[in-house]
N, C-alpha and C. Protein backbone atom coordinates (compact mmCIF):
# COMPACT_ATOMS: atom_id res chain seq x y z
N MET A 1 86.90 62.20 112.90
CA MET A 1 85.58 62.41 112.23
C MET A 1 84.79 61.96 113.43
N THR A 2 83.58 62.57 113.78
CA THR A 2 82.78 62.27 114.80
C THR A 2 81.84 60.99 114.08
N ALA A 3 81.31 60.46 115.22
CA ALA A 3 80.21 58.98 114.80
C ALA A 3 79.47 59.52 114.02
N HIS A 4 78.67 60.76 114.25
CA HIS A 4 77.57 61.20 113.17
C HIS A 4 78.16 61.38 111.84
N ALA A 5 79.16 61.98 111.60
CA ALA A 5 79.62 62.32 110.34
C ALA A 5 80.02 60.87 109.67
N LEU A 6 80.59 59.93 110.53
CA LEU A 6 80.88 58.54 109.92
C LEU A 6 79.61 57.95 109.55
N TYR A 7 78.70 57.99 110.09
CA TYR A 7 77.28 57.38 109.95
C TYR A 7 76.85 58.01 108.51
N VAL A 8 76.69 59.27 108.59
CA VAL A 8 76.09 59.89 107.36
C VAL A 8 77.02 59.71 106.13
N THR A 9 78.36 59.68 106.21
CA THR A 9 79.20 59.14 105.14
C THR A 9 78.96 57.99 104.69
N ALA A 10 78.98 57.01 105.62
CA ALA A 10 78.68 55.30 105.32
C ALA A 10 77.28 55.34 104.44
N ALA A 11 76.26 56.00 105.04
CA ALA A 11 74.94 55.90 104.51
C ALA A 11 75.01 56.41 103.20
N TYR A 12 75.61 57.62 102.81
CA TYR A 12 75.88 58.09 101.26
C TYR A 12 76.40 57.17 100.52
N GLY A 13 77.62 56.55 101.04
CA GLY A 13 78.36 55.62 100.25
C GLY A 13 77.79 54.41 100.18
N ILE A 14 77.00 53.92 100.77
CA ILE A 14 76.09 52.64 100.62
C ILE A 14 74.96 52.91 99.55
N THR A 15 74.36 54.08 99.82
CA THR A 15 73.52 54.31 98.85
C THR A 15 73.89 54.56 97.21
N ALA A 16 75.19 55.14 97.25
CA ALA A 16 75.58 55.42 95.95
C ALA A 16 76.10 54.05 95.41
N VAL A 17 76.66 53.23 95.95
CA VAL A 17 76.94 51.62 95.62
C VAL A 17 75.74 50.98 94.85
N VAL A 18 74.70 51.23 95.82
CA VAL A 18 73.46 50.60 95.50
C VAL A 18 72.79 51.29 94.25
N LEU A 19 72.82 52.66 94.08
CA LEU A 19 72.36 53.04 92.81
C LEU A 19 73.04 52.77 91.76
N ILE A 20 74.37 52.96 91.90
CA ILE A 20 75.62 52.41 90.62
C ILE A 20 75.20 50.97 90.21
N GLY A 21 74.84 50.16 91.25
CA GLY A 21 74.65 48.83 90.95
C GLY A 21 73.35 48.45 90.14
N LEU A 22 72.26 49.11 90.66
CA LEU A 22 71.04 49.10 90.04
C LEU A 22 71.11 49.77 88.51
N ILE A 23 71.71 50.85 88.28
CA ILE A 23 71.77 51.61 87.08
C ILE A 23 72.69 50.36 86.08
N GLY A 24 73.59 50.11 86.59
CA GLY A 24 74.30 48.84 85.68
C GLY A 24 73.72 47.65 85.43
N TRP A 25 72.78 47.22 86.41
CA TRP A 25 71.87 46.09 86.09
C TRP A 25 70.82 46.53 84.86
N ILE A 26 70.27 47.80 85.14
CA ILE A 26 69.24 48.16 84.12
C ILE A 26 69.94 48.16 82.76
N LEU A 27 71.00 48.59 82.76
CA LEU A 27 71.83 48.87 81.29
C LEU A 27 72.16 47.47 80.95
N LEU A 28 72.47 46.49 81.58
CA LEU A 28 72.83 45.16 81.22
C LEU A 28 71.60 44.51 80.48
N ASP A 29 70.46 44.67 81.40
CA ASP A 29 69.24 44.10 81.27
C ASP A 29 68.59 44.67 79.71
N GLN A 30 68.92 46.18 79.54
CA GLN A 30 68.62 46.75 78.35
C GLN A 30 69.15 45.99 77.13
N ARG A 31 70.53 45.79 77.34
CA ARG A 31 71.16 45.20 76.23
C ARG A 31 70.90 43.93 75.83
N ALA A 32 70.44 43.25 76.93
CA ALA A 32 69.94 41.68 76.72
C ALA A 32 68.69 41.89 75.96
N ARG A 33 67.80 42.55 76.37
CA ARG A 33 66.24 42.75 75.76
C ARG A 33 66.49 43.14 74.35
N LYS A 34 67.55 44.00 74.01
CA LYS A 34 67.48 44.78 72.66
C LYS A 34 68.11 43.39 71.73
N ARG A 35 69.02 42.55 72.18
CA ARG A 35 69.68 41.45 71.58
C ARG A 35 68.54 40.44 71.13
N GLU A 36 67.70 40.36 72.20
CA GLU A 36 66.62 39.26 72.02
C GLU A 36 65.74 39.62 71.08
N LEU A 37 65.18 41.03 71.05
CA LEU A 37 64.43 41.65 69.94
C LEU A 37 64.99 41.37 68.68
N ALA A 38 66.56 41.57 68.32
CA ALA A 38 66.99 41.84 67.49
C ALA A 38 66.97 40.26 66.71
N GLU A 39 66.97 39.25 67.42
CA GLU A 39 66.77 37.84 67.08
C GLU A 39 65.75 37.43 66.62
N LEU A 40 64.52 37.98 67.56
CA LEU A 40 63.35 37.63 67.13
C LEU A 40 62.93 38.20 65.49
N GLU A 41 63.39 39.44 65.34
CA GLU A 41 62.88 40.34 64.30
C GLU A 41 63.75 39.75 63.06
N ALA A 42 65.02 39.13 63.23
CA ALA A 42 65.70 38.45 62.09
C ALA A 42 65.17 37.10 61.78
N GLY A 43 64.46 36.47 62.89
CA GLY A 43 63.84 35.18 62.57
C GLY A 43 62.30 35.50 62.11
N GLY A 44 61.98 36.75 61.57
CA GLY A 44 60.70 36.71 61.01
C GLY A 44 59.60 37.28 61.78
N VAL A 45 59.73 37.48 63.16
CA VAL A 45 58.73 37.86 64.01
C VAL A 45 58.67 39.38 64.18
N ARG A 46 57.55 39.81 63.91
CA ARG A 46 57.36 41.16 63.98
C ARG A 46 56.64 41.87 64.87
N ARG A 47 56.72 43.18 65.15
CA ARG A 47 55.89 43.77 66.42
C ARG A 47 54.67 44.00 65.73
N ARG A 48 53.45 44.02 66.69
CA ARG A 48 52.30 44.25 66.39
C ARG A 48 52.07 45.77 66.10
N SER A 49 52.95 46.59 66.50
CA SER A 49 52.71 48.08 66.13
C SER A 49 53.35 48.25 64.64
N ASP A 50 54.28 47.39 64.04
CA ASP A 50 54.77 47.36 62.76
C ASP A 50 53.81 47.25 61.60
N LYS A 51 52.60 46.64 61.96
CA LYS A 51 51.52 46.44 60.96
C LYS A 51 51.32 47.85 60.09
N ALA A 52 51.20 47.75 58.89
CA ALA A 52 50.90 48.89 58.10
C ALA A 52 49.32 48.93 58.11
N VAL A 53 48.94 50.14 58.07
CA VAL A 53 47.49 50.55 58.12
C VAL A 53 46.84 50.25 56.68
N LYS A 54 46.12 49.28 56.30
CA LYS A 54 45.44 49.25 54.95
C LYS A 54 44.27 49.96 54.90
N SER A 55 44.38 50.88 53.73
CA SER A 55 43.01 51.66 53.50
C SER A 55 41.86 51.08 52.70
């Protein structure tokens, strides 16, 4: 394997690892935010967008 091919392979490998890490972090954070919202809604806190429009 030439030095250039090794460099390109390493660059793609590092990029793949970083992207997988970011996607994993986003998914874990999403799960935590959903859990926090569920706890707030269970405690009686409602979203402003859930207010019914009164005529």
